[in-house]
Protein backbone atom coordinates (compact mmCIF):
# COMPACT_ATOMS: atom_id res chain seq x y z
CA MET A 1 -20.38 2.16 31.58
CA THR A 2 -21.87 -1.09 30.32
CA THR A 3 -20.57 -4.29 31.92
CA LYS A 4 -19.93 -7.18 29.56
CA LEU A 5 -20.69 -10.80 30.52
CA TRP A 6 -16.98 -11.75 30.46
CA GLN A 7 -16.24 -8.93 32.92
CA ILE A 8 -18.76 -10.28 35.41
CA GLU A 9 -17.51 -13.82 35.05
CA PHE A 10 -13.77 -13.03 35.17
CA ALA A 11 -13.92 -13.26 38.95
CA ASP A 12 -15.93 -16.48 38.73
CA PRO A 13 -14.33 -18.91 36.24
CA GLU A 14 -16.70 -21.69 37.27
CA ALA A 15 -19.75 -19.66 36.24
CA ALA A 16 -18.04 -18.71 32.98
CA LEU A 17 -17.11 -22.31 32.18
CA ARG A 18 -20.53 -23.66 33.10
CA THR A 19 -22.09 -21.06 30.78
CA SER A 20 -19.77 -22.15 27.96
CA LEU A 21 -20.38 -25.85 28.60
CA GLY A 22 -24.11 -25.22 28.42
CA LYS A 23 -23.80 -23.39 25.12
CA LEU A 24 -21.56 -26.14 23.73
CA GLY A 25 -23.75 -28.97 25.05
CA LEU A 26 -20.76 -30.54 26.82
CA GLU A 27 -20.00 -31.76 30.32
CA GLN A 28 -16.25 -31.13 30.10
CA VAL A 29 -13.61 -29.39 27.97
CA ASP A 30 -10.08 -30.61 27.39
CA CYS A 31 -8.39 -27.37 28.40
CA TYR A 32 -9.65 -24.11 29.86
CA LEU A 33 -7.50 -20.98 29.54
CA ILE A 34 -7.31 -17.85 31.62
CA HIS A 35 -6.99 -15.07 29.07
CA TRP A 36 -4.93 -11.92 29.30
CA PRO A 37 -3.95 -11.33 32.94
CA ASN A 38 -4.98 -7.70 33.18
CA SER A 39 -7.77 -7.59 35.74
CA PHE A 40 -6.09 -4.60 37.38
CA PHE A 41 -7.51 -2.51 34.52
CA GLU A 42 -11.07 -3.43 35.44
CA VAL A 43 -13.31 -0.52 36.39
CA GLU A 44 -15.41 -2.60 38.76
CA GLU A 45 -13.60 -3.51 41.97
CA LYS A 46 -15.10 -7.04 42.10
CA ASN A 47 -13.36 -7.90 38.83
CA ARG A 48 -9.89 -6.88 40.04
CA VAL A 49 -8.83 -10.31 41.21
CA PRO A 50 -5.14 -11.03 41.77
CA MET A 51 -3.92 -14.10 39.93
CA HIS A 52 -2.83 -15.82 43.15
CA LYS A 53 -6.49 -15.76 44.20
CA LEU A 54 -7.94 -16.52 40.77
CA TRP A 55 -5.72 -19.50 39.89
CA PRO A 56 -7.12 -21.73 42.66
CA SER A 57 -10.57 -21.15 41.11
CA LEU A 58 -9.26 -22.62 37.88
CA GLU A 59 -7.66 -25.54 39.71
CA ARG A 60 -11.06 -26.24 41.25
CA LEU A 61 -12.50 -26.63 37.73
CA VAL A 62 -10.13 -29.56 37.22
CA ASP A 63 -11.09 -31.00 40.62
CA LEU A 64 -14.78 -30.74 39.67
CA GLY A 65 -14.16 -32.52 36.36
CA LEU A 66 -15.35 -29.56 34.28
CA THR A 67 -12.01 -29.45 32.43
CA LYS A 68 -9.18 -31.93 32.06
CA SER A 69 -6.52 -29.25 32.25
CA ILE A 70 -5.97 -25.52 32.61
CA GLY A 71 -3.73 -23.12 30.78
CA LEU A 72 -2.70 -19.54 30.16
CA SER A 73 -3.10 -17.05 27.37
CA ASN A 74 -0.83 -14.04 26.91
CA PHE A 75 1.17 -14.56 30.12
CA ASN A 76 4.71 -13.25 29.92
CA LEU A 77 7.74 -14.87 31.54
CA GLN A 78 7.43 -13.02 34.85
CA LEU A 79 3.71 -13.67 35.28
CA THR A 80 4.15 -17.35 34.40
CA SER A 81 7.12 -17.71 36.72
CA ASP A 82 5.20 -16.10 39.55
CA LEU A 83 2.19 -18.34 38.98
CA LEU A 84 4.38 -21.45 39.21
CA THR A 85 5.38 -20.50 42.76
CA TYR A 86 1.84 -21.05 44.05
CA ALA A 87 0.10 -23.26 41.49
CA ARG A 88 -1.07 -26.63 42.77
CA ILE A 89 -1.98 -27.61 39.21
CA LYS A 90 0.51 -26.36 36.67
CA PRO A 91 -0.76 -24.83 33.43
CA VAL A 92 -0.31 -27.16 30.45
CA VAL A 93 -0.15 -24.44 27.78
CA ASN A 94 0.50 -20.75 27.31
CA GLN A 95 -1.11 -19.40 24.16
CA ILE A 96 1.00 -16.46 22.97
CA GLU A 97 1.73 -14.50 19.83
CA LEU A 98 4.64 -16.28 18.14
CA HIS A 99 5.96 -15.98 14.61
CA PRO A 100 9.34 -15.37 12.96
CA LEU A 101 9.05 -11.62 13.60
CA LEU A 102 8.14 -12.16 17.27
CA ALA A 103 10.13 -15.18 18.42
CA GLN A 104 9.84 -14.62 22.20
CA THR A 105 12.88 -16.87 22.62
CA GLU A 106 13.30 -16.54 26.39
CA LEU A 107 9.62 -17.11 27.11
CA VAL A 108 9.49 -20.16 24.83
CA ARG A 109 12.63 -21.58 26.46
CA PHE A 110 11.17 -20.99 29.94
CA LEU A 111 7.85 -22.63 29.03
CA LYS A 112 9.52 -25.68 27.54
CA ASP A 113 11.88 -25.97 30.54
CA HIS A 114 8.78 -26.12 32.76
CA ASP A 115 6.83 -28.54 30.52
CA ILE A 116 4.31 -25.89 29.49
CA VAL A 117 3.49 -26.11 25.79
CA PRO A 118 3.92 -22.82 23.90
CA VAL A 119 0.92 -22.41 21.59
CA ALA A 120 1.41 -19.90 18.78
CA TYR A 121 -1.87 -18.12 18.07
CA CYS A 122 -0.41 -15.99 15.26
CA PRO A 123 2.15 -18.27 13.62
CA ILE A 124 1.73 -16.61 10.22
CA VAL A 125 1.70 -13.10 11.75
CA ARG A 126 -1.23 -10.99 12.78
CA GLN A 127 -3.05 -10.10 9.58
CA GLY A 128 -3.63 -6.38 9.18
CA ASP A 129 -1.03 -5.41 11.77
CA PRO A 130 1.20 -2.69 10.29
CA LYS A 131 4.18 -3.99 12.32
CA THR A 132 4.04 -7.37 10.55
CA ALA A 133 2.38 -6.50 7.23
CA HIS A 134 5.72 -6.95 5.46
CA ALA A 135 6.30 -10.48 6.82
CA HIS A 136 5.23 -12.28 3.65
CA GLU A 137 7.66 -10.08 1.71
CA HIS A 138 10.54 -10.56 4.17
CA PRO A 139 13.65 -11.28 2.05
CA TYR A 140 14.91 -14.16 4.19
CA LEU A 141 11.51 -15.85 4.43
CA LYS A 142 11.01 -15.41 0.69
CA SER A 143 14.44 -16.90 -0.03
CA LEU A 144 13.64 -19.93 2.12
CA ALA A 145 10.29 -20.33 0.37
CA GLU A 146 12.03 -20.26 -3.02
CA LYS A 147 14.79 -22.62 -1.88
CA TYR A 148 12.34 -25.25 -0.62
CA GLY A 149 9.54 -24.68 -3.12
CA LYS A 150 7.09 -23.69 -0.43
CA SER A 151 5.01 -20.63 0.39
CA VAL A 152 6.15 -18.12 3.01
CA THR A 153 3.17 -19.26 5.08
CA GLN A 154 4.42 -22.86 4.96
CA ILE A 155 7.90 -21.68 6.00
CA MET A 156 6.43 -19.84 9.00
CA LEU A 157 4.38 -22.84 10.07
CA ASN A 158 7.39 -25.13 9.75
CA TRP A 159 9.44 -22.66 11.82
CA ALA A 160 6.85 -22.96 14.60
CA LEU A 161 6.83 -26.76 14.47
CA VAL A 162 10.63 -27.11 14.38
CA ARG A 163 10.85 -24.91 17.50
CA GLY A 164 8.56 -27.30 19.35
CA THR A 165 5.61 -24.93 19.54
CA VAL A 166 2.04 -25.69 18.50
CA PRO A 167 0.83 -23.33 15.77
CA ILE A 168 -2.87 -22.56 15.49
CA PRO A 169 -3.07 -20.49 12.31
CA LYS A 170 -5.92 -18.25 11.31
CA SER A 171 -6.36 -16.72 7.91
CA GLY A 172 -8.96 -14.66 6.18
CA THR A 173 -7.74 -15.62 2.71
CA PHE A 174 -7.64 -18.86 0.77
CA GLU A 175 -3.99 -18.32 -0.22
CA ASN A 176 -2.85 -18.64 3.38
């Protein structure tokens, strides 16, 4: 089995960040995220690092001045709650899939209650996903779009903003 660079560096966030900083020609990033907490699926033993051991490595990146802050990506409520019991430096964001068809109400409420910004990485749904392909034809979203003279995409983005989340939309088409 071929080992990918990210697999090697998962256990060493400092090496991963220094590699990225070098490629970007920067000395520091504003926020560095730990992505998808699933190291227990790793084939190689050295990459199976429990989060309670990995998180201090990310905190060290702040201490070293390599990043101003640290955050999460795809952490559910339980994983985030657990992390808060041992974190010296609290995550500032959790980047999660959020859109009107996947509201994640309890997780968003928990994050906001703990001053962690919910960042919606799919605020206009995941393009090409059969579970959300109908979103732009959803009767309620279409009725709101008609009522306010906006596109369904604009309605979804407004929904994210009104909820106090930060949408970071991606689209492969000009219409969106």
